[in-house]
């Protein structure tokens, strides 16, 4: 975060969340990704949705980005799109690992998502 944004993040609509909490949420989600948390059956045959390692609160915060950026007209359209892309790609990586971790890893799907993420933040 730049020094100007750090000084006035609290005075901008959504600024404190976008400049402070969102980077932490994104880092937490990325660090939590794990193929062990995939969709599975419990001992009684009931389907359990996997999380890809990302908890419900973090997934919910990532999903909120598209709404929060709409309340941040001080961001350019390009900045808003980049923030939505990053949140979407991180949430999508978790879902990809939850649904089919083997394919996601072995066929390069996760690698392609990270390449898109790199492009979104450059």
Protein backbone atom coordinates (compact mmCIF):
# COMPACT_ATOMS: atom_id res chain seq x y z
CA UNK A 1 0.00 0.00 0.00
CA UNK A 2 1.35 3.42 -0.89
CA UNK A 3 1.91 6.06 1.79
CA UNK A 4 -0.93 8.28 0.58
CA UNK A 5 -3.41 5.41 0.62
CA UNK A 6 -2.19 4.32 4.05
CA UNK A 7 -2.81 7.81 5.46
CA UNK A 8 -6.31 8.21 4.09
CA UNK A 9 -7.59 4.63 3.78
CA UNK A 10 -9.99 5.19 6.67
CA UNK A 11 -11.54 8.26 5.02
CA UNK A 12 -12.26 6.52 1.69
CA UNK A 13 -15.33 4.33 1.21
CA UNK A 14 -14.14 0.74 1.60
CA UNK A 15 -10.58 2.01 1.88
CA UNK A 16 -9.66 0.48 5.22
CA UNK A 17 -10.95 -2.93 4.18
CA UNK A 18 -9.41 -2.86 0.70
CA UNK A 19 -6.05 -1.54 1.87
CA UNK A 20 -5.80 -3.45 5.13
CA UNK A 21 -7.93 -6.55 5.46
CA UNK A 22 -8.19 -7.67 1.83
CA UNK A 23 -4.44 -8.25 1.38
CA UNK A 24 -4.44 -10.26 4.63
CA UNK A 25 -7.49 -12.28 3.52
CA UNK A 26 -5.85 -13.01 0.17
CA UNK A 27 -2.60 -14.06 1.82
CA UNK A 28 -4.44 -16.25 4.35
CA UNK A 29 -6.43 -17.95 1.59
CA UNK A 30 -3.37 -18.55 -0.57
CA UNK A 31 -1.34 -19.92 2.35
CA UNK A 32 -4.23 -22.21 3.35
CA UNK A 33 -4.67 -23.93 -0.01
CA UNK A 34 -4.36 -27.70 0.27
CA UNK A 35 -5.47 -30.59 -1.94
CA UNK A 36 -6.18 -32.68 1.18
CA UNK A 37 -9.37 -30.67 1.76
CA UNK A 38 -11.18 -32.03 -1.30
CA UNK A 39 -14.76 -33.19 -1.84
CA UNK A 40 -15.29 -36.59 -0.23
CA UNK A 41 -17.78 -39.04 1.24
CA UNK A 42 -18.17 -39.48 4.96
CA UNK A 43 -18.41 -42.89 6.64
CA UNK A 44 -22.16 -42.99 5.92
CA UNK A 45 -21.86 -42.17 2.22
CA UNK A 46 -22.92 -38.53 2.52
CA UNK A 47 -21.08 -36.07 0.32
CA UNK A 48 -18.93 -33.50 2.11
CA UNK A 49 -17.95 -30.42 0.14
CA UNK A 50 -14.25 -29.76 0.31
CA UNK A 51 -12.87 -26.33 0.98
CA UNK A 52 -9.48 -26.54 -0.69
CA UNK A 53 -8.18 -25.46 2.73
CA UNK A 54 -9.92 -22.07 2.76
CA UNK A 55 -12.41 -21.51 5.59
CA UNK A 56 -15.92 -20.14 5.10
CA UNK A 57 -15.16 -16.68 6.51
CA UNK A 58 -12.23 -16.22 4.13
CA UNK A 59 -14.28 -17.47 1.15
CA UNK A 60 -17.05 -15.05 2.10
CA UNK A 61 -14.63 -12.12 2.28
CA UNK A 62 -13.17 -12.98 -1.12
CA UNK A 63 -16.68 -13.13 -2.57
CA UNK A 64 -17.45 -9.66 -1.15
CA UNK A 65 -14.71 -7.96 -3.16
CA UNK A 66 -16.92 -7.42 -6.22
CA UNK A 67 -19.42 -5.54 -4.05
CA UNK A 68 -16.88 -3.54 -2.06
CA UNK A 69 -15.04 -2.19 -5.11
CA UNK A 70 -18.31 -0.76 -6.41
CA UNK A 71 -18.33 1.46 -3.33
CA UNK A 72 -14.79 2.64 -4.04
CA UNK A 73 -15.12 5.14 -6.89
CA UNK A 74 -11.68 6.48 -5.99
CA UNK A 75 -10.24 3.33 -7.61
CA UNK A 76 -9.95 3.31 -11.37
CA UNK A 77 -11.95 0.73 -13.30
CA UNK A 78 -8.71 -1.13 -14.02
CA UNK A 79 -7.82 -1.25 -10.32
CA UNK A 80 -11.31 -2.50 -9.48
CA UNK A 81 -11.10 -5.22 -12.12
CA UNK A 82 -7.68 -6.31 -10.87
CA UNK A 83 -8.93 -6.60 -7.29
CA UNK A 84 -11.94 -8.64 -8.39
CA UNK A 85 -9.71 -10.83 -10.57
CA UNK A 86 -7.30 -11.55 -7.72
CA UNK A 87 -10.09 -12.43 -5.28
CA UNK A 88 -11.85 -14.56 -7.87
CA UNK A 89 -8.69 -16.43 -8.86
CA UNK A 90 -7.73 -17.20 -5.26
CA UNK A 91 -11.27 -18.40 -4.47
CA UNK A 92 -11.30 -20.35 -7.74
CA UNK A 93 -8.02 -22.07 -6.89
CA UNK A 94 -9.51 -23.27 -3.61
CA UNK A 95 -12.60 -24.56 -5.41
CA UNK A 96 -10.45 -26.25 -8.05
CA UNK A 97 -8.43 -28.04 -5.37
CA UNK A 98 -11.60 -29.00 -3.53
CA UNK A 99 -13.30 -30.47 -6.60
CA UNK A 100 -10.47 -32.32 -8.33
CA UNK A 101 -7.00 -31.75 -6.89
CA UNK A 102 -5.32 -34.37 -9.05
CA UNK A 103 -6.45 -32.84 -12.31
CA UNK A 104 -5.82 -29.31 -11.04
CA UNK A 105 -2.21 -30.13 -10.26
CA UNK A 106 -1.29 -32.76 -12.86
CA UNK A 107 -2.84 -30.99 -15.85
CA UNK A 108 -1.53 -27.53 -15.01
CA UNK A 109 -4.87 -25.91 -14.21
CA UNK A 110 -3.59 -24.48 -10.96
CA UNK A 111 -0.41 -23.28 -12.65
CA UNK A 112 -2.48 -21.45 -15.28
CA UNK A 113 -4.55 -19.80 -12.53
CA UNK A 114 -1.34 -18.52 -10.90
CA UNK A 115 -0.16 -17.18 -14.25
CA UNK A 116 -3.42 -15.23 -14.52
CA UNK A 117 -2.97 -14.02 -10.97
CA UNK A 118 0.53 -12.81 -11.77
CA UNK A 119 -0.87 -10.91 -14.75
CA UNK A 120 -3.62 -9.35 -12.64
CA UNK A 121 -1.22 -7.93 -10.07
CA UNK A 122 1.49 -6.63 -12.43
